[in-house]
Every structure is written in structure tokens, then in C-alpha cells.
Protein backbone atom coordinates (compact mmCIF):
# COMPACT_ATOMS: atom_id res chain seq x y z
CA UNK A 1 107.87 105.13 72.92
CA UNK A 2 106.36 107.45 75.48
CA UNK A 3 108.26 108.88 78.43
CA UNK A 4 107.02 105.96 80.51
CA UNK A 5 109.09 102.86 79.90
CA UNK A 6 106.79 100.02 80.93
CA UNK A 7 108.20 96.86 82.42
CA UNK A 8 109.33 93.99 80.25
CA UNK A 9 108.25 90.50 81.26
CA UNK A 10 111.78 89.18 81.26
CA UNK A 11 113.18 91.78 83.62
CA UNK A 12 110.42 93.56 85.55
CA UNK A 13 110.97 91.45 88.64
CA UNK A 14 114.54 92.68 88.84
CA UNK A 15 113.67 96.39 88.83
CA UNK A 16 114.49 98.05 92.11
CA UNK A 17 111.53 99.98 93.49
CA UNK A 18 111.74 103.69 94.33
CA UNK A 19 115.20 104.19 92.85
CA UNK A 20 116.73 106.66 90.41
CA UNK A 21 118.93 105.56 87.54
CA UNK A 22 120.97 107.58 85.06
CA UNK A 23 122.58 106.70 81.76
CA UNK A 24 125.10 108.79 79.82
CA UNK A 25 125.64 108.05 76.14
CA UNK A 26 128.87 109.58 74.81
CA UNK A 27 128.09 109.43 71.11
CA UNK A 28 130.15 110.58 68.15
CA UNK A 29 127.78 113.47 67.43
CA UNK A 30 126.05 114.27 70.73
CA UNK A 31 126.33 113.43 74.41
CA UNK A 32 123.02 112.38 75.95
CA UNK A 33 121.92 111.80 79.51
CA UNK A 34 118.68 110.20 80.65
CA UNK A 35 117.44 109.99 84.24
CA UNK A 36 114.62 107.63 85.21
CA UNK A 37 112.87 106.62 88.40
CA UNK A 38 111.81 103.06 89.12
CA UNK A 39 108.52 102.63 90.94
CA UNK A 40 106.22 99.60 91.09
CA UNK A 41 108.26 97.63 88.55
CA UNK A 42 108.25 100.24 85.79
CA UNK A 43 110.57 103.03 84.76
CA UNK A 44 109.47 106.64 84.42
CA UNK A 45 111.73 108.97 82.45
CA UNK A 46 112.12 112.15 84.51
CA UNK A 47 114.88 114.07 82.73
CA UNK A 48 116.82 114.14 79.47
CA UNK A 49 119.78 116.29 78.47
CA UNK A 50 121.60 116.55 75.14
CA UNK A 51 124.70 118.45 74.09
CA UNK A 52 126.09 118.50 70.49
CA UNK A 53 129.72 117.82 71.41
CA UNK A 54 130.63 116.48 67.91
CA UNK A 55 133.32 114.17 69.32
CA UNK A 56 133.63 112.30 66.02
CA UNK A 57 134.54 115.47 64.14
CA UNK A 58 137.10 116.31 66.83
CA UNK A 59 139.67 113.62 66.02
CA UNK A 60 142.95 114.70 64.44
CA UNK A 61 144.76 112.79 61.68
CA UNK A 62 146.29 110.45 64.26
CA UNK A 63 142.88 109.70 65.81
CA UNK A 64 143.56 111.71 68.95
CA UNK A 65 140.79 113.83 70.45
CA UNK A 66 141.90 117.43 69.97
CA UNK A 67 142.38 119.72 72.97
CA UNK A 68 139.41 121.92 72.01
CA UNK A 69 137.10 118.92 71.60
CA UNK A 70 138.36 117.40 74.85
CA UNK A 71 137.52 120.63 76.70
CA UNK A 72 134.06 120.76 75.09
CA UNK A 73 133.40 117.15 76.08
CA UNK A 74 134.54 117.59 79.68
CA UNK A 75 132.56 120.83 80.05
CA UNK A 76 129.47 118.89 78.96
CA UNK A 77 130.16 116.15 81.53
CA UNK A 78 130.51 118.81 84.24
CA UNK A 79 126.97 119.97 83.43
CA UNK A 80 125.73 116.39 83.49
CA UNK A 81 127.55 115.80 86.78
CA UNK A 82 125.64 118.61 88.46
CA UNK A 83 122.36 116.86 87.61
CA UNK A 84 123.63 113.57 89.04
CA UNK A 85 124.37 114.72 92.60
CA UNK A 86 121.32 112.89 94.00
CA UNK A 87 121.81 109.66 92.00
CA UNK A 88 123.81 106.85 93.70
CA UNK A 89 127.04 106.12 91.84
CA UNK A 90 126.18 102.43 91.44
CA UNK A 91 123.01 103.46 89.58
CA UNK A 92 124.86 105.60 87.03
CA UNK A 93 126.40 104.15 83.88
CA UNK A 94 128.31 106.08 81.23
CA UNK A 95 129.05 104.39 77.90
CA UNK A 96 131.29 105.46 75.04
CA UNK A 97 130.74 104.35 71.47
CA UNK A 98 132.43 104.54 68.06
CA UNK A 99 134.68 107.57 68.49
CA UNK A 100 135.95 106.49 71.89
CA UNK A 101 136.57 103.02 70.44
CA UNK A 102 138.81 104.68 67.84
CA UNK A 103 140.42 107.48 69.86
CA UNK A 104 144.05 106.79 70.74
CA UNK A 105 143.91 109.08 73.77
CA UNK A 106 140.61 107.72 75.09
CA UNK A 107 142.29 106.81 78.40
CA UNK A 108 143.20 110.47 78.98
CA UNK A 109 139.58 111.46 78.44
CA UNK A 110 138.31 108.60 80.62
CA UNK A 111 140.58 109.57 83.52
CA UNK A 112 139.36 113.16 83.45
CA UNK A 113 135.73 112.03 83.07
CA UNK A 114 136.02 109.75 86.11
CA UNK A 115 137.09 112.72 88.22
CA UNK A 116 134.01 114.66 87.10
CA UNK A 117 131.33 111.97 87.16
CA UNK A 118 132.64 109.65 89.86
CA UNK A 119 131.98 106.65 87.61
CA UNK A 120 134.19 105.22 84.84
CA UNK A 121 133.42 105.57 81.16
CA UNK A 122 132.68 102.12 79.76
CA UNK A 123 133.75 101.88 76.13
CA UNK A 124 131.44 99.31 74.58
CA UNK A 125 131.93 97.25 71.43
CA UNK A 126 129.62 97.79 68.48
CA UNK A 127 127.61 94.61 69.04
CA UNK A 128 127.11 95.42 72.71
CA UNK A 129 125.95 98.88 71.66
CA UNK A 130 123.48 97.20 69.30
CA UNK A 131 122.17 94.92 72.06
CA UNK A 132 121.57 97.87 74.37
CA UNK A 133 119.81 99.83 71.61
CA UNK A 134 117.45 96.91 71.05
CA UNK A 135 116.85 96.82 74.83
CA UNK A 136 115.74 100.44 74.75
CA UNK A 137 113.64 100.24 71.60
CA UNK A 138 111.74 97.09 72.62
CA UNK A 139 111.35 97.65 76.34
CA UNK A 140 107.72 97.12 77.27
CA UNK A 141 107.02 94.97 74.19
CA UNK A 142 104.82 91.97 74.98
CA UNK A 143 104.58 90.25 71.62
CA UNK A 144 106.83 87.95 69.62
CA UNK A 145 106.86 89.89 66.38
CA UNK A 146 110.05 89.86 64.36
CA UNK A 147 111.71 93.26 64.32
CA UNK A 148 114.52 94.98 62.48
CA UNK A 149 115.99 97.90 64.42
CA UNK A 150 118.42 100.38 62.82
CA UNK A 151 120.23 103.08 64.77
CA UNK A 152 122.37 105.65 62.93
CA UNK A 153 124.97 107.20 65.19
CA UNK A 154 127.71 109.69 64.48
CA UNK A 155 130.37 107.14 63.59
CA UNK A 156 128.60 103.79 63.32
CA UNK A 157 125.25 102.27 62.44
CA UNK A 158 123.78 99.36 64.38
CA UNK A 159 121.51 96.72 62.85
CA UNK A 160 119.57 94.36 65.12
CA UNK A 161 117.12 91.65 64.11
CA UNK A 162 115.10 90.18 66.95
CA UNK A 163 111.94 88.45 68.07
CA UNK A 164 109.91 90.27 70.69
CA UNK A 165 112.42 91.61 73.21
CA UNK A 166 115.16 89.15 72.27
CA UNK A 167 117.90 90.29 69.87
CA UNK A 168 118.90 87.46 67.55
CA UNK A 169 121.41 89.14 65.22
CA UNK A 170 123.46 92.18 66.24
CA UNK A 171 125.92 93.99 63.99
CA UNK A 172 127.66 97.36 63.92
CA UNK A 173 129.22 98.85 60.79
CA UNK A 174 131.50 101.84 60.40
CA UNK A 175 129.26 104.44 58.82
CA UNK A 176 127.48 107.25 60.60
CA UNK A 177 126.10 110.73 60.05
CA UNK A 178 129.26 112.57 61.17
CA UNK A 179 131.73 110.35 59.33
CA UNK A 180 129.62 110.33 56.14
CA UNK A 181 129.10 114.07 56.30
CA UNK A 182 132.83 114.72 56.78
CA UNK A 183 133.78 112.42 53.90
CA UNK A 184 131.16 113.35 51.31
CA UNK A 185 129.44 116.64 52.11
CA UNK A 186 132.09 119.10 53.30
CA UNK A 187 133.25 120.12 49.81
CA UNK A 188 131.67 122.18 47.06
CA UNK A 189 127.90 121.56 46.97
CA UNK A 190 127.04 124.69 45.01
CA UNK A 191 125.18 123.01 42.12
CA UNK A 192 122.55 120.27 41.78
CA UNK A 193 124.96 118.23 39.69
CA UNK A 194 127.63 118.31 42.43
CA UNK A 195 125.10 117.51 45.16
CA UNK A 196 123.74 114.57 43.18
CA UNK A 197 127.23 113.22 42.57
CA UNK A 198 128.10 113.36 46.29
CA UNK A 199 124.84 111.70 47.33
CA UNK A 200 125.40 108.93 44.78
CA UNK A 201 128.93 108.34 46.08
CA UNK A 202 127.85 108.44 49.74
CA UNK A 203 124.92 106.03 49.22
CA UNK A 204 127.04 103.65 47.15
CA UNK A 205 129.71 103.64 49.85
CA UNK A 206 127.05 102.94 52.49
CA UNK A 207 125.73 100.04 50.41
CA UNK A 208 129.23 98.56 50.22
CA UNK A 209 129.59 98.79 54.01
CA UNK A 210 126.19 97.18 54.62
CA UNK A 211 126.20 94.50 51.91
CA UNK A 212 128.28 92.02 53.93
CA UNK A 213 125.64 91.76 56.66
CA UNK A 214 122.52 91.88 54.48
CA UNK A 215 121.97 88.14 53.77
CA UNK A 216 121.57 87.10 57.43
CA UNK A 217 119.02 89.88 58.05
CA UNK A 218 116.99 89.05 54.97
CA UNK A 219 117.02 85.40 56.03
CA UNK A 220 115.79 86.35 59.52
CA UNK A 221 113.06 88.61 58.17
CA UNK A 222 110.95 91.15 60.05
CA UNK A 223 107.37 92.30 60.44
CA UNK A 224 108.32 95.74 61.75
CA UNK A 225 111.26 97.96 60.84
CA UNK A 226 112.07 100.51 63.55
CA UNK A 227 114.60 103.33 63.42
CA UNK A 228 116.14 105.18 66.35
CA UNK A 229 118.70 107.97 66.85
CA UNK A 230 118.87 111.68 66.05
CA UNK A 231 119.23 111.26 62.28
CA UNK A 232 116.08 109.15 61.99
CA UNK A 233 114.00 111.30 64.34
CA UNK A 234 115.12 114.44 62.49
CA UNK A 235 114.27 112.84 59.12
CA UNK A 236 110.74 112.11 60.30
CA UNK A 237 110.33 115.71 61.53
CA UNK A 238 111.60 117.09 58.19
CA UNK A 239 109.16 114.94 56.25
CA UNK A 240 106.31 116.01 58.55
CA UNK A 241 107.18 119.66 57.90
CA UNK A 242 106.50 119.12 54.20
CA UNK A 243 103.86 116.38 54.59
CA UNK A 244 102.02 116.98 57.90
CA UNK A 245 100.14 113.68 57.79
CA UNK A 246 103.31 111.62 57.36
CA UNK A 247 104.24 109.26 60.22
CA UNK A 248 107.41 107.24 60.11
CA UNK A 249 109.66 107.19 57.04
CA UNK A 250 108.78 105.58 53.72
CA UNK A 251 111.36 104.84 51.07
CA UNK A 252 109.32 106.89 48.61
CA UNK A 253 109.34 110.00 50.82
CA UNK A 254 113.02 109.54 51.78
CA UNK A 255 113.99 109.53 48.09
CA UNK A 256 111.74 112.55 47.55
CA UNK A 257 113.54 114.46 50.32
CA UNK A 258 117.00 113.70 48.96
CA UNK A 259 115.88 114.76 45.46
CA UNK A 260 114.50 118.00 46.91
CA UNK A 261 117.84 118.75 48.63
CA UNK A 262 119.73 117.93 45.41
CA UNK A 263 117.49 120.25 43.41
CA UNK A 264 117.14 123.17 45.84
CA UNK A 265 120.22 122.82 48.07
CA UNK A 266 120.58 122.12 51.83
CA UNK A 267 119.17 125.58 52.58
CA UNK A 268 115.72 124.17 51.86
CA UNK A 269 115.93 122.62 55.34
CA UNK A 270 116.10 126.11 56.87
CA UNK A 271 112.31 126.11 56.48
CA UNK A 272 112.11 123.29 59.05
CA UNK A 273 111.97 124.77 62.53
CA UNK A 274 111.74 121.41 64.30
CA UNK A 275 115.38 120.39 63.76
CA UNK A 276 118.31 122.02 65.53
CA UNK A 277 121.16 123.87 63.87
CA UNK A 278 123.69 121.25 64.97
CA UNK A 279 121.56 118.50 63.36
CA UNK A 280 121.41 120.44 60.08
CA UNK A 281 125.21 120.37 59.99
CA UNK A 282 125.31 116.56 59.68
CA UNK A 283 121.90 115.72 58.20
CA UNK A 284 123.13 115.16 54.62
CA UNK A 285 125.51 112.46 55.84
CA UNK A 286 122.73 110.95 57.94
CA UNK A 287 120.30 110.88 55.01
CA UNK A 288 122.86 109.13 52.80
CA UNK A 289 123.41 106.42 55.44
CA UNK A 290 119.66 105.99 55.92
CA UNK A 291 119.04 105.67 52.18
CA UNK A 292 121.89 103.14 51.91
CA UNK A 293 120.26 101.05 54.65
CA UNK A 294 116.85 101.26 52.94
CA UNK A 295 118.36 100.21 49.62
CA UNK A 296 120.55 97.40 51.01
CA UNK A 297 117.71 95.77 52.96
CA UNK A 298 114.86 96.65 50.56
CA UNK A 299 113.02 98.55 53.31
CA UNK A 300 109.76 100.18 52.26
CA UNK A 301 108.71 101.79 55.56
CA UNK A 302 110.29 102.46 58.94
CA UNK A 303 108.63 103.34 62.23
CA UNK A 304 110.49 105.80 64.48
CA UNK A 305 111.38 105.11 68.12
CA UNK A 306 112.25 107.81 70.61
CA UNK A 307 114.17 105.36 72.78
CA UNK A 308 117.62 104.00 72.00
CA UNK A 309 120.98 103.41 73.65
CA UNK A 310 120.60 105.45 76.84
CA UNK A 311 117.18 103.95 77.57
CA UNK A 312 118.65 100.49 76.96
CA UNK A 313 121.43 101.23 79.43
CA UNK A 314 118.86 102.21 82.06
CA UNK A 315 116.92 99.00 81.39
CA UNK A 316 120.13 97.05 82.02
CA UNK A 317 120.87 99.03 85.18
CA UNK A 318 117.40 98.63 86.61
CA UNK A 319 117.03 94.99 85.60
CA UNK A 320 120.39 93.80 86.89
CA UNK A 321 119.55 90.10 86.76
CA UNK A 322 118.74 90.33 83.05
CA UNK A 323 122.14 91.84 82.27
CA UNK A 324 123.78 89.20 84.46
CA UNK A 325 122.12 86.50 82.36
CA UNK A 326 123.46 88.14 79.19
CA UNK A 327 126.98 88.01 80.63
CA UNK A 328 126.59 84.41 81.71
CA UNK A 329 125.49 83.51 78.19
CA UNK A 330 128.48 85.34 76.73
CA UNK A 331 130.85 83.39 79.00
CA UNK A 332 129.11 80.13 78.08
CA UNK A 333 129.45 80.98 74.39
CA UNK A 334 133.19 81.59 74.81
CA UNK A 335 133.58 78.31 76.69
CA UNK A 336 131.79 76.39 73.96
CA UNK A 337 133.53 78.15 71.10
CA UNK A 338 137.01 77.54 72.51
CA UNK A 339 136.31 74.10 74.03
CA UNK A 340 137.02 75.04 77.64
CA UNK A 341 137.07 72.21 80.21
CA UNK A 342 133.91 73.32 82.02
CA UNK A 343 134.34 70.89 84.93
CA UNK A 344 137.79 72.28 85.68
CA UNK A 345 136.57 75.86 85.35
CA UNK A 346 133.71 75.11 87.75
CA UNK A 347 136.10 73.58 90.31
CA UNK A 348 138.41 76.59 90.13
CA UNK A 349 135.55 79.06 90.56
CA UNK A 350 134.09 77.13 93.51
CA UNK A 351 137.39 77.48 95.39
CA UNK A 352 137.87 81.10 94.28
CA UNK A 353 134.37 81.87 95.53
CA UNK A 354 135.16 80.35 98.94
CA UNK A 355 138.26 82.54 99.16
CA UNK A 356 136.25 85.56 97.98
CA UNK A 357 133.66 85.06 100.72
CA UNK A 358 136.41 84.87 103.33
CA UNK A 359 138.21 87.95 101.96
CA UNK A 360 135.32 90.24 100.98
CA UNK A 361 134.85 91.95 104.35
CA UNK A 362 138.56 92.50 105.01
CA UNK A 363 139.44 93.52 101.46
CA UNK A 364 136.29 95.61 100.88
CA UNK A 365 135.30 93.59 97.80
CA UNK A 366 132.10 94.42 95.93
CA UNK A 367 129.82 91.40 96.24
CA UNK A 368 128.35 92.06 92.80
CA UNK A 369 130.97 93.69 90.56
CA UNK A 370 134.07 91.97 91.93
CA UNK A 371 132.34 88.62 92.28
CA UNK A 372 131.20 88.83 88.64
CA UNK A 373 134.74 89.60 87.43
CA UNK A 374 136.08 86.69 89.50
CA UNK A 375 133.43 84.34 88.11
CA UNK A 376 134.10 85.29 84.48
CA UNK A 377 137.90 85.06 84.78
CA UNK A 378 137.75 81.66 86.50
CA UNK A 379 135.37 80.23 83.93
CA UNK A 380 137.54 81.54 81.09
CA UNK A 381 141.05 81.19 82.51
CA UNK A 382 141.86 78.29 80.16
CA UNK A 383 140.28 79.75 77.02
CA UNK A 384 143.73 80.16 75.46
CA UNK A 385 144.36 76.40 75.47
CA UNK A 386 142.39 76.23 72.22
CA UNK A 387 145.31 78.07 70.57
CA UNK A 388 148.25 76.28 72.24
CA UNK A 389 149.30 75.02 75.65
CA UNK A 390 152.54 76.98 75.53
CA UNK A 391 151.85 80.49 76.88
CA UNK A 392 148.10 79.75 76.90
CA UNK A 393 147.49 82.45 79.48
CA UNK A 394 148.75 85.01 76.94
CA UNK A 395 146.55 83.58 74.19
CA UNK A 396 143.59 83.82 76.56
CA UNK A 397 144.43 87.46 77.26
CA UNK A 398 144.36 88.27 73.55
CA UNK A 399 141.13 86.39 72.86
CA UNK A 400 139.29 88.04 75.74
CA UNK A 401 140.46 91.54 74.84
CA UNK A 402 139.30 91.28 71.25
CA UNK A 403 136.19 89.06 71.35
CA UNK A 404 132.68 90.51 71.07
CA UNK A 405 131.15 89.57 74.43
CA UNK A 406 127.60 90.83 74.87
CA UNK A 407 126.92 92.38 78.25
CA UNK A 408 130.56 93.36 78.77
CA UNK A 409 132.16 96.73 78.16
CA UNK A 410 135.66 96.97 76.71
CA UNK A 411 136.82 97.98 80.21
CA UNK A 412 135.29 94.80 81.66
CA UNK A 413 136.93 92.63 79.02
CA UNK A 414 140.36 94.20 79.49
CA UNK A 415 140.12 93.66 83.24
CA UNK A 416 139.10 90.00 82.91
CA UNK A 417 141.73 89.46 80.21
CA UNK A 418 144.38 90.87 82.55
CA UNK A 419 143.32 88.42 85.28
CA UNK A 420 143.60 85.55 82.80
CA UNK A 421 146.96 86.85 81.58
CA UNK A 422 148.43 86.66 85.09
CA UNK A 423 146.63 83.66 86.57
CA UNK A 424 149.80 81.56 86.25
CA UNK A 425 153.55 81.90 85.96
CA UNK A 426 155.31 85.24 86.46
CA UNK A 427 153.09 88.26 87.22
CA UNK A 428 153.39 90.90 84.50
CA UNK A 429 152.71 94.16 86.34
CA UNK A 430 152.61 96.18 83.09
CA UNK A 431 148.96 95.17 82.63
CA UNK A 432 148.06 97.64 85.40
CA UNK A 433 149.88 100.62 83.86
CA UNK A 434 146.65 102.18 82.59
CA UNK A 435 144.71 101.49 85.80
CA UNK A 436 144.18 104.11 88.49
CA UNK A 437 145.20 103.40 92.09
CA UNK A 438 141.79 102.06 93.14
CA UNK A 439 141.42 99.79 90.11
CA UNK A 440 144.97 98.49 90.52
CA UNK A 441 144.28 97.58 94.15
CA UNK A 442 141.07 95.80 93.12
CA UNK A 443 142.92 93.96 90.36
CA UNK A 444 145.67 92.57 92.57
CA UNK A 445 143.19 91.39 95.22
CA UNK A 446 141.14 89.45 92.68
CA UNK A 447 144.27 88.19 90.93
CA UNK A 448 145.50 86.74 94.22
CA UNK A 449 142.25 84.79 94.62
CA UNK A 450 142.33 83.54 91.01
CA UNK A 451 145.97 82.43 91.28
CA UNK A 452 145.40 80.55 94.54
CA UNK A 453 142.28 78.83 93.20
CA UNK A 454 143.96 77.68 89.98
CA UNK A 455 147.05 76.57 91.87
CA UNK A 456 145.02 74.38 94.25
CA UNK A 457 143.35 72.68 91.27
CA UNK A 458 146.40 72.21 89.14
CA UNK A 459 146.14 68.40 89.44
CA UNK A 460 142.62 68.62 87.93
CA UNK A 461 141.37 66.03 90.43
CA UNK A 462 138.35 66.77 92.65
CA UNK A 463 139.35 64.18 95.25
CA UNK A 464 142.66 65.93 95.85
CA UNK A 465 141.23 69.35 96.73
CA UNK A 466 142.08 70.18 100.35
CA UNK A 467 139.74 71.62 102.95
CA UNK A 468 141.02 75.17 103.39
CA UNK A 469 140.51 77.69 106.15
CA UNK A 470 141.69 81.09 104.88
CA UNK A 471 142.27 84.15 107.05
CA UNK A 472 142.65 87.57 105.45
CA UNK A 473 143.89 90.93 106.68
CA UNK A 474 144.96 94.10 104.82
CA UNK A 475 147.70 92.47 102.75
CA UNK A 476 148.11 89.07 104.32
CA UNK A 477 146.61 85.68 103.56
CA UNK A 478 146.98 82.73 105.89
CA UNK A 479 146.11 79.38 104.36
CA UNK A 480 145.42 76.67 106.89
CA UNK A 481 145.50 73.14 105.45
CA UNK A 482 145.63 69.85 107.30
CA UNK A 483 149.19 68.50 107.79
CA UNK A 484 148.11 65.07 106.50
CA UNK A 485 147.00 66.56 103.19
CA UNK A 486 150.19 68.59 102.86
CA UNK A 487 152.27 65.49 103.53
CA UNK A 488 150.37 63.56 100.85
CA UNK A 489 150.66 66.35 98.25
CA UNK A 490 154.27 67.60 98.18
CA UNK A 491 153.93 68.97 94.62
CA UNK A 492 151.02 71.29 95.49
CA UNK A 493 152.87 72.25 98.67
CA UNK A 494 155.86 73.23 96.52
CA UNK A 495 153.57 75.27 94.23
CA UNK A 496 152.23 77.19 97.22
CA UNK A 497 155.74 77.84 98.55
CA UNK A 498 156.71 79.20 95.13
CA UNK A 499 153.58 81.39 95.08
CA UNK A 500 154.63 83.08 98.33
CA UNK A 501 157.51 84.78 96.52
CA UNK A 502 155.39 85.78 93.50
CA UNK A 503 152.65 87.37 95.63
CA UNK A 504 155.28 89.17 97.65
CA UNK A 505 156.17 90.99 94.45
CA UNK A 506 152.73 92.63 94.31
CA UNK A 507 152.56 93.43 98.02
CA UNK A 508 150.71 90.42 99.44
CA UNK A 509 152.08 88.17 102.15
CA UNK A 510 150.99 84.56 101.89
CA UNK A 511 151.68 82.02 104.61
CA UNK A 512 150.92 78.31 104.62
CA UNK A 513 150.08 76.70 107.92
CA UNK A 514 149.50 73.03 108.75
CA UNK A 515 146.33 73.08 110.80
């Protein structure tokens, strides 16, 4: 793809004119940043930065990011931060992938990164990463051809089969150029026999990782196979250095390159000036993963895309309504999968939304981000009932933390799960232990709205919902309900009286008035 990302039919109307967007991709091998401007319903890439942080190689035996790697990563973000001074915070998104999914001290890194960038790091699940990659690779496509997209990262490889711009199958498996290189190519490679043995082991291991997902992709089929990421772009450049007329990557030429490295040693790549020194360090691992993918899926030729995750993130940022639709679909999928009572969920959200509208000005609620979190938590607050009624709020918490929900980051899912965890019964304040002061304040405000909405619909009867006038101040909520309704509904009245004490425990003062 060229540096101009043309508009996609499904999202061009949502692109904000004359705006600047930035995406930061915190990969296992490199950190990338892309900056684009949106004008006349298309995106123009205006800047790209890349730093070989090697985060994936910087985990210790306990999967903690080492102090030296942490410093290197934060120094990189400081450089990125300087470039972002003229980009509005709400138009910047930073995403973390495989290594940050694995790192036990990711929260420590995220806290420091927030101070530098002014935006949180969103750790995304593998399938969400795959969806965003497909967004970037296919943006501007106007046909309905079936595509297979493969992206080899430092710690994971994403496989996406889609039609036109729509991803149909998204998977992420735990093999990448850094992890493969560390496991198979950091020992003695002094002889062709040893190099061949390590390549055979690495490719066989990659085949084992990929074999479980192969049948569904072969069944889907594809007309075009497209590769993205540093490994695949570097492979194409290496092949072009030896075969100047070569475009893309053929299985024949890929096998030829691996045989050449086995025969002559990795130093043969020193002749290639178009790949960086930091890419040479991990290219053997990357080639083994690529060959495993070719073998597993019987690929004969792959085109190469210069757009991937960061471009896909910008597409999502600029086309906000498209991403919102993805989230809505993910919530609908969860409701259907776990047999949620959709009528009850809709009633609860309608009341929560009324309360939100009354509170938003006084509580400084974000009409997009906070409203979306409220909507998702209300629609999914009973998802745990599919497991058991007893402690169903806790079951819902677990399901929402661990499900693959396209459009949501891990941070988003944890926040929504925490709202579901505390929407009833005693409020467990430990769920906010990892939140900063601002996020904790946001959480308790939204939790208050969710709890009140679910409480007022506990009878599950539309006819019994009262007309409410709610007044909000800094930490006070006055509910005004007609005295006739209160007299006719002593049980709900008792629930509200009980809720006064519970909300007091998190610093909110609820009063019930007959009016």
C-alpha cells in the first residue's frame, strides 16, 4: 500500500476531516509509531517512526520485563511523545501485543508509559490484533476477493481470512521471529549440518503450532495471500537483492533462500544493504516461521503489504463508527453465546442511560468512552447466569476478562468485567487496586449508575419501572420518585435504602425523596 490510505466504503463517512491521528504499536521486536492526517475522507500518512526495542527478548525467566529493557522501552516512548505534542490525546492510541500480554509486570510499564504519552497502553488480545492488522492491510480495498493475510510479529503470528474488507476468521498463534530465534538460532550454527538441523526443528515446531487452525482457513479459501510485518518485508528485500525482478515471496524462492543460508551461513545476508542490523539478528527465526506458514497452508506465492497493525489502529481511530459497530457485534455475540435476557438488558441500559445523561455534566463523564463502557456492562451484566445463578456476577467477571471480544482491548474488558463484578451485592473495592486515581474515580461513577439501574429493574417488569428525576452533584445523588409508586413497591424501596449504605462505602451519598 502507498503512503496514502484511501477511504474504505464502510467507514469513509466516519472519518473526521482535517484531523491528525497517531497510532503506537508496542511490538515484541520493535516499537512503531504512525501519524496520519485525515482530509476529505481519506487518510494521508505523514510520519513513521520505528525503534528496535526487542521487548520480547527482554523478559526474564519469570516473564518480567527486565530493568534494562524497561528503560529502553520508556526512552523510546519519550521520543515518540515529543512527536505527539500537536496531536489531541483522544486521537492517539497505543496498543501492546504478545509480550505485554505475557509480561507479569506489564502494569508497571503501563503506568510509566501513561505518564510519558498521556494516553494508556491498551493491551489487545491476539484476535483483536489480527482484526486490526486486516483493517490496515485491506483499507481502501473495493472488491470482494477472498484474502488470506499473515502477519509475523516478534512473539506471535496472526492469520486472517476475509472477504473484501471484512475479516471472517481471525487467529493468533504463539510463534514469532524473536521467540523462534531465541529458541532455535542462538546456539552453535557454525556448520551447514547444524544450521539445517535447527531450521528443520524450527519449521516443524511452527507447523505444529499452526496445524490446529489450518482446516478452517483451507475451507474458507483465498484468491490472494498477503503478508505484512518486518519479517515479511525484509524477506522480500533479501530476495530482491539476489533476484532483482522478484516481487512478493514465492515458496520456491523462500526455500532457496533458506538453503542458501544453510549452505553459506547467516553472514551471506551481510551482502544485503536493504535490511537493518537489528532485523538481521532475528531474521532466521522469522524465516522459519514464514516457511512453516507456507508449508502448513500450502501457499505458493505471497504479496507483501507495507501496512499492518498501526495503520489498522489509525483506521479504527479515524472511522470511529466502524469500530463502534465491531464492539456492538462483539457484545451481541456474547449475549447470544451465553443466552442473556436481551429484553432485561435493554431495560437496564435504558435507565442507566437516563441516569448517565443527568450525571454527565456534573460528573464530567465522557459521552463516548464512558457511555460505551456503560452500554457494554449493562448489556452483559447477566452474562454469568449461563454458568449459575449463585454468584453470577463473579462468573460474569471471569467470562468477560477472558473472552476474545473483537474491538475491545484487554483494558476495556477488565474495566467492563469489574463493573459486572460489582453490579450487585457487596462492593469489592479490590478490583480497583490496579487503577490509577482518575480511572478509579471514573469506575465508581459508572458503577453507581449500573447498580442503580439494575436495582430499579430487579422485578424484571416494565410496568413497574418508576418515573425518576435524578439530581447529581460532586458525590451526591438525589433520586426523586413519586410517593404513590414508593408506597406500592416497598421491596424496591427497601433495596434503595440498602443501597444507600453500600454507596456510602465508596464515597457517594444517595438520598431517596418522594416527589
